[in-house]
Amino acid sequence: MIQKGLISVLLLFFAVLSLNAQGSDAGTHPYVIRGEVYVDLEPIYAGHIDSEYPLGIPAASRRALDELSLFFSAMVFGWSFNYEVGERARGINEILELYQLGTIQTGDPALRVTDTSVRDSQLRVWADFHLNDSHQRRMQRWRTGTIRNAQATGFAPSSLDEYPGWIAVKQMALEDAARAALRSILQASEKNRPKEVTGFISLASFPRYYIDAGRWTASARFRVQIVEIIPFAAY
C-alpha cells in the first residue's frame, strides 16, 4: 500500500502541472471520457534497459501524462489510414499507414488527473478529459453513421536492434492492433480480398497493455469508418 507521503508527492506534482497549464478556470463540461494508464517504474523491454532507470515519481508522472495525451487524442480525433491489405501469393506486403488528425496536449486544462497509486512497481493514473462542444461533435461522429466496431490484439517486436523509446514501442503494439482490427473487418464484410482500403479509425476506449512471450501486447477496441475499398481488378 502506498505511503501517505508518496500520495502527497503525487497529488502535489499533478496539481502543479495542472495549475501551470490552466492559468484560468476551464469551466465545466457536460460530457467526460475517462481512462487509466500504467507506467513501469523499472522499465526493461526486449533486452533493452530504458534510458531512465529506475524511474522516479516525477519522471513516471510525465510519462503517464504523455500516454494519457496519446490515448485521449486517439479517442477524440483518431487517425486517417491507408491500408494495403497485402497478399503473400502476389508478393504484396501488408502495410498500414496512420496519420494523426489532432492532438490533445499534456497541459490541456480539460485533461485532469483524478486518482494515482503505486502498486507492483507501477504508477497507475486515472484521468478525465472534459469534452468541449467541438470534441462532443467529433465523438458523436465516431458513434453514428457508417462506423464499424472491432476489437483486436497487436504486438510490438520481440527483439529490437535499437530501442526507440517506451512510448514508440507501445505505439507499435497499438498500430499493429489497428491493423489486425481492419483486417478482421474486411474478412467479415468482403467476399474478395481488396488491394487497398482508406478511411478513418479511432480508439473506442483506452487499450490494455501486457507482456506476452516477451512482447508488449495491446488489446484495443476501435471505431472504423471505411471511405474507399480498391479491388485488385482496379490495377
C-alpha atoms as a PDB file:
ATOM      1  CA  MET A   1       0.000   0.000   0.000  1.00  0.00           C
ATOM      2  CA  ILE A   2       1.317   3.416  -0.959  1.00  0.00           C
ATOM      3  CA  GLN A   3       2.514   5.562   1.916  1.00  0.00           C
ATOM      4  CA  LYS A   4       0.728   8.825   2.712  1.00  0.00           C
ATOM      5  CA  GLY A   5       3.879  10.814   1.992  1.00  0.00           C
ATOM      6  CA  LEU A   6       4.134   9.428  -1.531  1.00  0.00           C
ATOM      7  CA  ILE A   7       0.451  10.108  -2.170  1.00  0.00           C
ATOM      8  CA  SER A   8       1.067  13.729  -1.201  1.00  0.00           C
ATOM      9  CA  VAL A   9       4.025  13.959  -3.601  1.00  0.00           C
ATOM     10  CA  LEU A  10       1.969  12.536  -6.456  1.00  0.00           C
ATOM     11  CA  LEU A  11      -1.004  14.798  -5.874  1.00  0.00           C
ATOM     12  CA  LEU A  12       1.231  17.846  -5.477  1.00  0.00           C
ATOM     13  CA  PHE A  13       3.103  17.021  -8.689  1.00  0.00           C
ATOM     14  CA  PHE A  14      -0.071  16.697 -10.774  1.00  0.00           C
ATOM     15  CA  ALA A  15      -1.627  19.737  -9.102  1.00  0.00           C
ATOM     16  CA  VAL A  16       1.391  21.862 -10.052  1.00  0.00           C
ATOM     17  CA  LEU A  17       1.213  20.645 -13.640  1.00  0.00           C
ATOM     18  CA  SER A  18      -2.496  21.454 -13.750  1.00  0.00           C
ATOM     19  CA  LEU A  19      -2.054  24.940 -12.315  1.00  0.00           C
ATOM     20  CA  ASN A  20       0.789  25.728 -14.687  1.00  0.00           C
ATOM     21  CA  ALA A  21      -1.277  24.555 -17.645  1.00  0.00           C
ATOM     22  CA  GLN A  22      -4.606  26.206 -16.867  1.00  0.00           C
ATOM     23  CA  GLY A  23      -3.913  29.797 -15.947  1.00  0.00           C
ATOM     24  CA  SER A  24      -7.685  30.268 -15.554  1.00  0.00           C
ATOM     25  CA  ASP A  25     -10.722  28.178 -14.703  1.00  0.00           C
ATOM     26  CA  ALA A  26     -11.566  25.894 -17.614  1.00  0.00           C
ATOM     27  CA  GLY A  27     -15.217  25.692 -16.575  1.00  0.00           C
ATOM     28  CA  THR A  28     -17.391  22.572 -16.562  1.00  0.00           C
ATOM     29  CA  HIS A  29     -18.397  20.299 -19.430  1.00  0.00           C
ATOM     30  CA  PRO A  30     -21.423  18.023 -19.722  1.00  0.00           C
ATOM     31  CA  TYR A  31     -19.505  15.059 -21.109  1.00  0.00           C
ATOM     32  CA  VAL A  32     -16.322  13.372 -19.953  1.00  0.00           C
ATOM     33  CA  ILE A  33     -14.229  10.456 -21.224  1.00  0.00           C
ATOM     34  CA  ARG A  34     -12.060   8.577 -18.771  1.00  0.00           C
ATOM     35  CA  GLY A  35      -9.108   6.205 -18.748  1.00  0.00           C
ATOM     36  CA  GLU A  36      -6.262   4.685 -16.753  1.00  0.00           C
ATOM     37  CA  VAL A  37      -2.585   4.225 -17.645  1.00  0.00           C
ATOM     38  CA  TYR A  38       0.187   2.180 -16.028  1.00  0.00           C
ATOM     39  CA  VAL A  39       3.839   3.267 -16.005  1.00  0.00           C
ATOM     40  CA  ASP A  40       6.556   0.749 -15.109  1.00  0.00           C
ATOM     41  CA  LEU A  41       8.980   2.183 -12.585  1.00  0.00           C
ATOM     42  CA  GLU A  42      11.672  -0.312 -13.679  1.00  0.00           C
ATOM     43  CA  PRO A  43      11.308  -0.277 -17.478  1.00  0.00           C
ATOM     44  CA  ILE A  44      13.104  -3.022 -19.425  1.00  0.00           C
ATOM     45  CA  TYR A  45      11.954  -4.218 -22.853  1.00  0.00           C
ATOM     46  CA  ALA A  46      13.337  -6.746 -25.353  1.00  0.00           C
ATOM     47  CA  GLY A  47      16.666  -6.816 -23.548  1.00  0.00           C
ATOM     48  CA  HIS A  48      16.959  -3.020 -23.506  1.00  0.00           C
ATOM     49  CA  ILE A  49      17.115  -1.102 -20.248  1.00  0.00           C
ATOM     50  CA  ASP A  50      15.334   2.219 -20.528  1.00  0.00           C
ATOM     51  CA  SER A  51      17.427   5.407 -20.633  1.00  0.00           C
ATOM     52  CA  GLU A  52      15.793   6.394 -17.332  1.00  0.00           C
ATOM     53  CA  TYR A  53      16.091   3.508 -14.894  1.00  0.00           C
ATOM     54  CA  PRO A  54      14.653   3.241 -12.358  1.00  0.00           C
ATOM     55  CA  LEU A  55      12.028   5.939 -12.765  1.00  0.00           C
ATOM     56  CA  GLY A  56      11.368   8.461 -10.016  1.00  0.00           C
ATOM     57  CA  ILE A  57       7.804   9.610  -9.419  1.00  0.00           C
ATOM     58  CA  PRO A  58       8.174  12.923 -11.342  1.00  0.00           C
ATOM     59  CA  ALA A  59       9.573  11.128 -14.442  1.00  0.00           C
ATOM     60  CA  ALA A  60       6.896   8.408 -14.238  1.00  0.00           C
ATOM     61  CA  SER A  61       4.201  11.070 -13.847  1.00  0.00           C
ATOM     62  CA  ARG A  62       5.353  12.850 -17.004  1.00  0.00           C
ATOM     63  CA  ARG A  63       5.246   9.556 -18.880  1.00  0.00           C
ATOM     64  CA  ALA A  64       1.725   8.959 -17.595  1.00  0.00           C
ATOM     65  CA  LEU A  65       0.653  12.370 -18.908  1.00  0.00           C
ATOM     66  CA  ASP A  66       2.230  11.641 -22.310  1.00  0.00           C
ATOM     67  CA  GLU A  67       0.350   8.351 -22.517  1.00  0.00           C
ATOM     68  CA  LEU A  68      -2.915   9.959 -21.429  1.00  0.00           C
ATOM     69  CA  SER A  69      -2.446  12.564 -24.152  1.00  0.00           C
ATOM     70  CA  LEU A  70      -1.841   9.844 -26.756  1.00  0.00           C
ATOM     71  CA  PHE A  71      -4.953   7.847 -25.877  1.00  0.00           C
ATOM     72  CA  PHE A  72      -7.346  10.772 -25.409  1.00  0.00           C
ATOM     73  CA  SER A  73      -6.142  12.158 -28.770  1.00  0.00           C
ATOM     74  CA  ALA A  74      -6.795   8.771 -30.376  1.00  0.00           C
ATOM     75  CA  MET A  75     -10.312   8.663 -28.915  1.00  0.00           C
ATOM     76  CA  VAL A  76     -11.360  12.211 -29.823  1.00  0.00           C
ATOM     77  CA  PHE A  77      -9.507  12.815 -33.116  1.00  0.00           C
ATOM     78  CA  GLY A  78      -8.294   9.418 -34.276  1.00  0.00           C
ATOM     79  CA  TRP A  79      -6.323   8.827 -37.454  1.00  0.00           C
ATOM     80  CA  SER A  80      -6.887   8.675 -41.176  1.00  0.00           C
ATOM     81  CA  PHE A  81      -5.455   5.491 -42.636  1.00  0.00           C
ATOM     82  CA  ASN A  82      -4.236   3.920 -45.840  1.00  0.00           C
ATOM     83  CA  TYR A  83      -4.135   0.139 -45.602  1.00  0.00           C
ATOM     84  CA  GLU A  84      -2.555  -2.081 -48.242  1.00  0.00           C
ATOM     85  CA  VAL A  85      -4.085  -5.407 -47.358  1.00  0.00           C
ATOM     86  CA  GLY A  86      -1.261  -7.440 -48.869  1.00  0.00           C
ATOM     87  CA  GLU A  87      -1.181 -10.934 -50.324  1.00  0.00           C
ATOM     88  CA  ARG A  88       1.734 -13.305 -49.968  1.00  0.00           C
ATOM     89  CA  ALA A  89       0.968 -15.164 -53.203  1.00  0.00           C
ATOM     90  CA  ARG A  90       1.304 -11.949 -55.212  1.00  0.00           C
ATOM     91  CA  GLY A  91       4.323 -10.730 -53.275  1.00  0.00           C
ATOM     92  CA  ILE A  92       2.397  -7.751 -51.889  1.00  0.00           C
ATOM     93  CA  ASN A  93       3.337  -6.640 -48.382  1.00  0.00           C
ATOM     94  CA  GLU A  94       0.737  -5.723 -45.770  1.00  0.00           C
ATOM     95  CA  ILE A  95       1.241  -2.034 -44.897  1.00  0.00           C
ATOM     96  CA  LEU A  96      -0.804   0.251 -42.640  1.00  0.00           C
ATOM     97  CA  GLU A  97      -0.112   3.995 -42.636  1.00  0.00           C
ATOM     98  CA  LEU A  98      -1.760   6.094 -39.915  1.00  0.00           C
ATOM     99  CA  TYR A  99      -1.978   9.909 -39.949  1.00  0.00           C
ATOM    100  CA  GLN A 100      -2.914  11.619 -36.696  1.00  0.00           C
ATOM    101  CA  LEU A 101      -5.840  14.033 -37.079  1.00  0.00           C
ATOM    102  CA  GLY A 102      -5.360  16.047 -33.898  1.00  0.00           C
ATOM    103  CA  THR A 103      -3.518  16.159 -30.599  1.00  0.00           C
ATOM    104  CA  ILE A 104      -4.529  16.808 -27.005  1.00  0.00           C
ATOM    105  CA  GLN A 105      -1.531  18.306 -25.224  1.00  0.00           C
ATOM    106  CA  THR A 106      -0.449  17.174 -21.767  1.00  0.00           C
ATOM    107  CA  GLY A 107      -1.043  20.712 -20.466  1.00  0.00           C
ATOM    108  CA  ASP A 108      -4.621  20.912 -21.764  1.00  0.00           C
ATOM    109  CA  PRO A 109      -6.802  22.168 -18.866  1.00  0.00           C
ATOM    110  CA  ALA A 110      -9.527  19.721 -19.897  1.00  0.00           C
ATOM    111  CA  LEU A 111      -7.196  16.801 -19.070  1.00  0.00           C
ATOM    112  CA  ARG A 112      -7.497  16.247 -15.324  1.00  0.00           C
ATOM    113  CA  VAL A 113      -5.829  13.579 -13.204  1.00  0.00           C
ATOM    114  CA  THR A 114      -8.329  12.184 -10.692  1.00  0.00           C
ATOM    115  CA  ASP A 115      -6.504   9.397  -8.891  1.00  0.00           C
ATOM    116  CA  THR A 116      -2.976   7.983  -8.522  1.00  0.00           C
ATOM    117  CA  SER A 117      -1.458   4.950  -6.831  1.00  0.00           C
ATOM    118  CA  VAL A 118       1.691   2.840  -6.899  1.00  0.00           C
ATOM    119  CA  ARG A 119       1.309  -0.955  -6.960  1.00  0.00           C
ATOM    120  CA  ASP A 120       3.518  -3.779  -8.210  1.00  0.00           C
ATOM    121  CA  SER A 121       6.303  -1.369  -9.286  1.00  0.00           C
ATOM    122  CA  GLN A 122       3.855   0.600 -11.413  1.00  0.00           C
ATOM    123  CA  LEU A 123       2.483   4.118 -11.215  1.00  0.00           C
ATOM    124  CA  ARG A 124      -1.233   3.926 -12.003  1.00  0.00           C
ATOM    125  CA  VAL A 125      -3.051   7.089 -13.010  1.00  0.00           C
ATOM    126  CA  TRP A 126      -6.736   7.690 -13.686  1.00  0.00           C
ATOM    127  CA  ALA A 127      -7.700  10.824 -15.628  1.00  0.00           C
ATOM    128  CA  ASP A 128     -10.721  12.527 -17.181  1.00  0.00           C
ATOM    129  CA  PHE A 129     -10.882  14.538 -20.366  1.00  0.00           C
ATOM    130  CA  HIS A 130     -13.719  17.079 -20.401  1.00  0.00           C
ATOM    131  CA  LEU A 131     -15.185  17.436 -23.884  1.00  0.00           C
ATOM    132  CA  ASN A 132     -15.957  20.891 -25.259  1.00  0.00           C
ATOM    133  CA  ASP A 133     -18.628  21.367 -27.949  1.00  0.00           C
ATOM    134  CA  SER A 134     -16.209  20.601 -30.793  1.00  0.00           C
ATOM    135  CA  HIS A 135     -14.960  17.457 -29.081  1.00  0.00           C
ATOM    136  CA  GLN A 136     -18.538  16.327 -28.420  1.00  0.00           C
ATOM    137  CA  ARG A 137     -19.380  16.658 -32.113  1.00  0.00           C
ATOM    138  CA  ARG A 138     -16.314  14.629 -33.032  1.00  0.00           C
ATOM    139  CA  MET A 139     -17.217  11.898 -30.546  1.00  0.00           C
ATOM    140  CA  GLN A 140     -20.769  11.819 -31.878  1.00  0.00           C
ATOM    141  CA  ARG A 141     -19.464  11.249 -35.422  1.00  0.00           C
ATOM    142  CA  TRP A 142     -17.387   8.327 -34.142  1.00  0.00           C
ATOM    143  CA  ARG A 143     -20.551   6.701 -32.765  1.00  0.00           C
ATOM    144  CA  THR A 144     -23.010   7.113 -35.641  1.00  0.00           C
ATOM    145  CA  GLY A 145     -23.478   6.538 -39.354  1.00  0.00           C
ATOM    146  CA  THR A 146     -21.262   4.033 -41.138  1.00  0.00           C
ATOM    147  CA  ILE A 147     -18.923   3.443 -38.207  1.00  0.00           C
ATOM    148  CA  ARG A 148     -17.906  -0.172 -37.623  1.00  0.00           C
ATOM    149  CA  ASN A 149     -16.599  -1.553 -34.316  1.00  0.00           C
ATOM    150  CA  ALA A 150     -13.783  -4.028 -33.907  1.00  0.00           C
ATOM    151  CA  GLN A 151     -11.560  -5.371 -31.166  1.00  0.00           C
ATOM    152  CA  ALA A 152      -8.103  -6.782 -31.845  1.00  0.00           C
ATOM    153  CA  THR A 153      -4.726  -7.539 -30.336  1.00  0.00           C
ATOM    154  CA  GLY A 154      -1.417  -6.219 -31.632  1.00  0.00           C
ATOM    155  CA  PHE A 155       2.227  -6.818 -30.819  1.00  0.00           C
ATOM    156  CA  ALA A 156       5.452  -4.862 -30.696  1.00  0.00           C
ATOM    157  CA  PRO A 157       8.605  -6.688 -31.907  1.00  0.00           C
ATOM    158  CA  SER A 158      10.060  -9.298 -29.552  1.00  0.00           C
ATOM    159  CA  SER A 159      13.601  -8.171 -30.405  1.00  0.00           C
ATOM    160  CA  LEU A 160      14.984  -4.763 -31.315  1.00  0.00           C
ATOM    161  CA  ASP A 161      18.430  -3.816 -32.574  1.00  0.00           C
ATOM    162  CA  GLU A 162      17.892  -0.318 -31.210  1.00  0.00           C
ATOM    163  CA  TYR A 163      15.427   0.730 -28.540  1.00  0.00           C
ATOM    164  CA  PRO A 164      13.183   3.514 -29.933  1.00  0.00           C
ATOM    165  CA  GLY A 165      11.799   4.521 -26.534  1.00  0.00           C
ATOM    166  CA  TRP A 166       8.989   3.376 -24.296  1.00  0.00           C
ATOM    167  CA  ILE A 167       6.147   5.248 -25.985  1.00  0.00           C
ATOM    168  CA  ALA A 168       7.281   4.273 -29.504  1.00  0.00           C
ATOM    169  CA  VAL A 169       7.191   0.592 -28.520  1.00  0.00           C
ATOM    170  CA  LYS A 170       3.665   0.956 -27.127  1.00  0.00           C
ATOM    171  CA  GLN A 171       2.612   2.771 -30.309  1.00  0.00           C
ATOM    172  CA  MET A 172       3.978  -0.140 -32.369  1.00  0.00           C
ATOM    173  CA  ALA A 173       1.748  -2.566 -30.481  1.00  0.00           C
ATOM    174  CA  LEU A 174      -1.272  -0.245 -30.763  1.00  0.00           C
ATOM    175  CA  GLU A 175      -0.786   0.285 -34.512  1.00  0.00           C
ATOM    176  CA  ASP A 176      -0.464  -3.476 -35.009  1.00  0.00           C
ATOM    177  CA  ALA A 177      -3.767  -3.896 -33.152  1.00  0.00           C
ATOM    178  CA  ALA A 178      -5.342  -1.339 -35.519  1.00  0.00           C
ATOM    179  CA  ARG A 179      -4.017  -3.329 -38.499  1.00  0.00           C
ATOM    180  CA  ALA A 180      -5.497  -6.540 -37.065  1.00  0.00           C
ATOM    181  CA  ALA A 181      -8.841  -4.801 -36.461  1.00  0.00           C
ATOM    182  CA  LEU A 182      -9.030  -3.551 -40.045  1.00  0.00           C
ATOM    183  CA  ARG A 183      -8.123  -6.966 -41.396  1.00  0.00           C
ATOM    184  CA  SER A 184     -10.847  -8.669 -39.325  1.00  0.00           C
ATOM    185  CA  ILE A 185     -13.465  -6.146 -40.510  1.00  0.00           C
ATOM    186  CA  LEU A 186     -12.576  -6.750 -44.155  1.00  0.00           C
ATOM    187  CA  GLN A 187     -12.536 -10.526 -43.752  1.00  0.00           C
ATOM    188  CA  ALA A 188     -16.060 -10.345 -42.334  1.00  0.00           C
ATOM    189  CA  SER A 189     -17.510  -7.971 -44.953  1.00  0.00           C
ATOM    190  CA  GLU A 190     -15.632  -8.522 -48.238  1.00  0.00           C
ATOM    191  CA  LYS A 191     -16.009 -11.693 -50.315  1.00  0.00           C
ATOM    192  CA  ASN A 192     -12.818 -10.935 -52.240  1.00  0.00           C
ATOM    193  CA  ARG A 193      -9.654  -9.599 -50.646  1.00  0.00           C
ATOM    194  CA  PRO A 194      -9.244  -5.918 -51.658  1.00  0.00           C
ATOM    195  CA  LYS A 195      -5.970  -4.371 -52.738  1.00  0.00           C
ATOM    196  CA  GLU A 196      -6.210  -1.218 -50.629  1.00  0.00           C
ATOM    197  CA  VAL A 197      -8.560   0.491 -48.167  1.00  0.00           C
ATOM    198  CA  THR A 198      -8.720   4.079 -46.920  1.00  0.00           C
ATOM    199  CA  GLY A 199     -10.719   5.676 -44.131  1.00  0.00           C
ATOM    200  CA  PHE A 200     -10.649   6.786 -40.519  1.00  0.00           C
ATOM    201  CA  ILE A 201     -10.064   4.926 -37.249  1.00  0.00           C
ATOM    202  CA  SER A 202     -10.181   5.879 -33.557  1.00  0.00           C
ATOM    203  CA  LEU A 203      -9.880   4.233 -30.163  1.00  0.00           C
ATOM    204  CA  ALA A 204     -13.198   3.379 -28.535  1.00  0.00           C
ATOM    205  CA  SER A 205     -11.548   3.177 -25.096  1.00  0.00           C
ATOM    206  CA  PHE A 206      -8.078   3.025 -23.572  1.00  0.00           C
ATOM    207  CA  PRO A 207      -6.135  -0.069 -24.682  1.00  0.00           C
ATOM    208  CA  ARG A 208      -4.942  -2.719 -22.256  1.00  0.00           C
ATOM    209  CA  TYR A 209      -1.208  -3.491 -22.338  1.00  0.00           C
ATOM    210  CA  TYR A 210       0.627  -6.566 -21.084  1.00  0.00           C
ATOM    211  CA  ILE A 211       3.739  -8.610 -21.857  1.00  0.00           C
ATOM    212  CA  ASP A 212       3.162 -11.835 -23.843  1.00  0.00           C
ATOM    213  CA  ALA A 213       6.120 -14.035 -24.813  1.00  0.00           C
ATOM    214  CA  GLY A 214       8.470 -11.105 -24.262  1.00  0.00           C
ATOM    215  CA  ARG A 215       6.452  -8.689 -26.431  1.00  0.00           C
ATOM    216  CA  TRP A 216       4.412  -5.641 -25.487  1.00  0.00           C
ATOM    217  CA  THR A 217       0.845  -6.586 -26.381  1.00  0.00           C
ATOM    218  CA  ALA A 218      -2.029  -4.142 -26.880  1.00  0.00           C
ATOM    219  CA  SER A 219      -5.653  -5.244 -26.696  1.00  0.00           C
ATOM    220  CA  ALA A 220      -7.820  -2.440 -28.047  1.00  0.00           C
ATOM    221  CA  ARG A 221     -11.311  -1.587 -29.275  1.00  0.00           C
ATOM    222  CA  PHE A 222     -11.595   0.615 -32.366  1.00  0.00           C
ATOM    223  CA  ARG A 223     -14.187   2.555 -34.305  1.00  0.00           C
ATOM    224  CA  VAL A 224     -13.649   2.434 -38.058  1.00  0.00           C
ATOM    225  CA  GLN A 225     -15.109   4.363 -40.996  1.00  0.00           C
ATOM    226  CA  ILE A 226     -14.151   2.923 -44.366  1.00  0.00           C
ATOM    227  CA  VAL A 227     -14.190   5.534 -47.130  1.00  0.00           C
ATOM    228  CA  GLU A 228     -12.879   3.622 -50.143  1.00  0.00           C
ATOM    229  CA  ILE A 229     -12.166  -0.014 -50.986  1.00  0.00           C
ATOM    230  CA  ILE A 230      -9.942  -0.555 -54.005  1.00  0.00           C
ATOM    231  CA  PRO A 231     -10.137  -4.071 -55.511  1.00  0.00           C
ATOM    232  CA  PHE A 232      -7.264  -5.831 -57.245  1.00  0.00           C
ATOM    233  CA  ALA A 233      -9.193  -5.512 -60.509  1.00  0.00           C
ATOM    234  CA  ALA A 234      -8.588  -1.742 -60.423  1.00  0.00           C
ATOM    235  CA  TYR A 235      -4.849  -2.308 -61.011  1.00  0.00           C
END
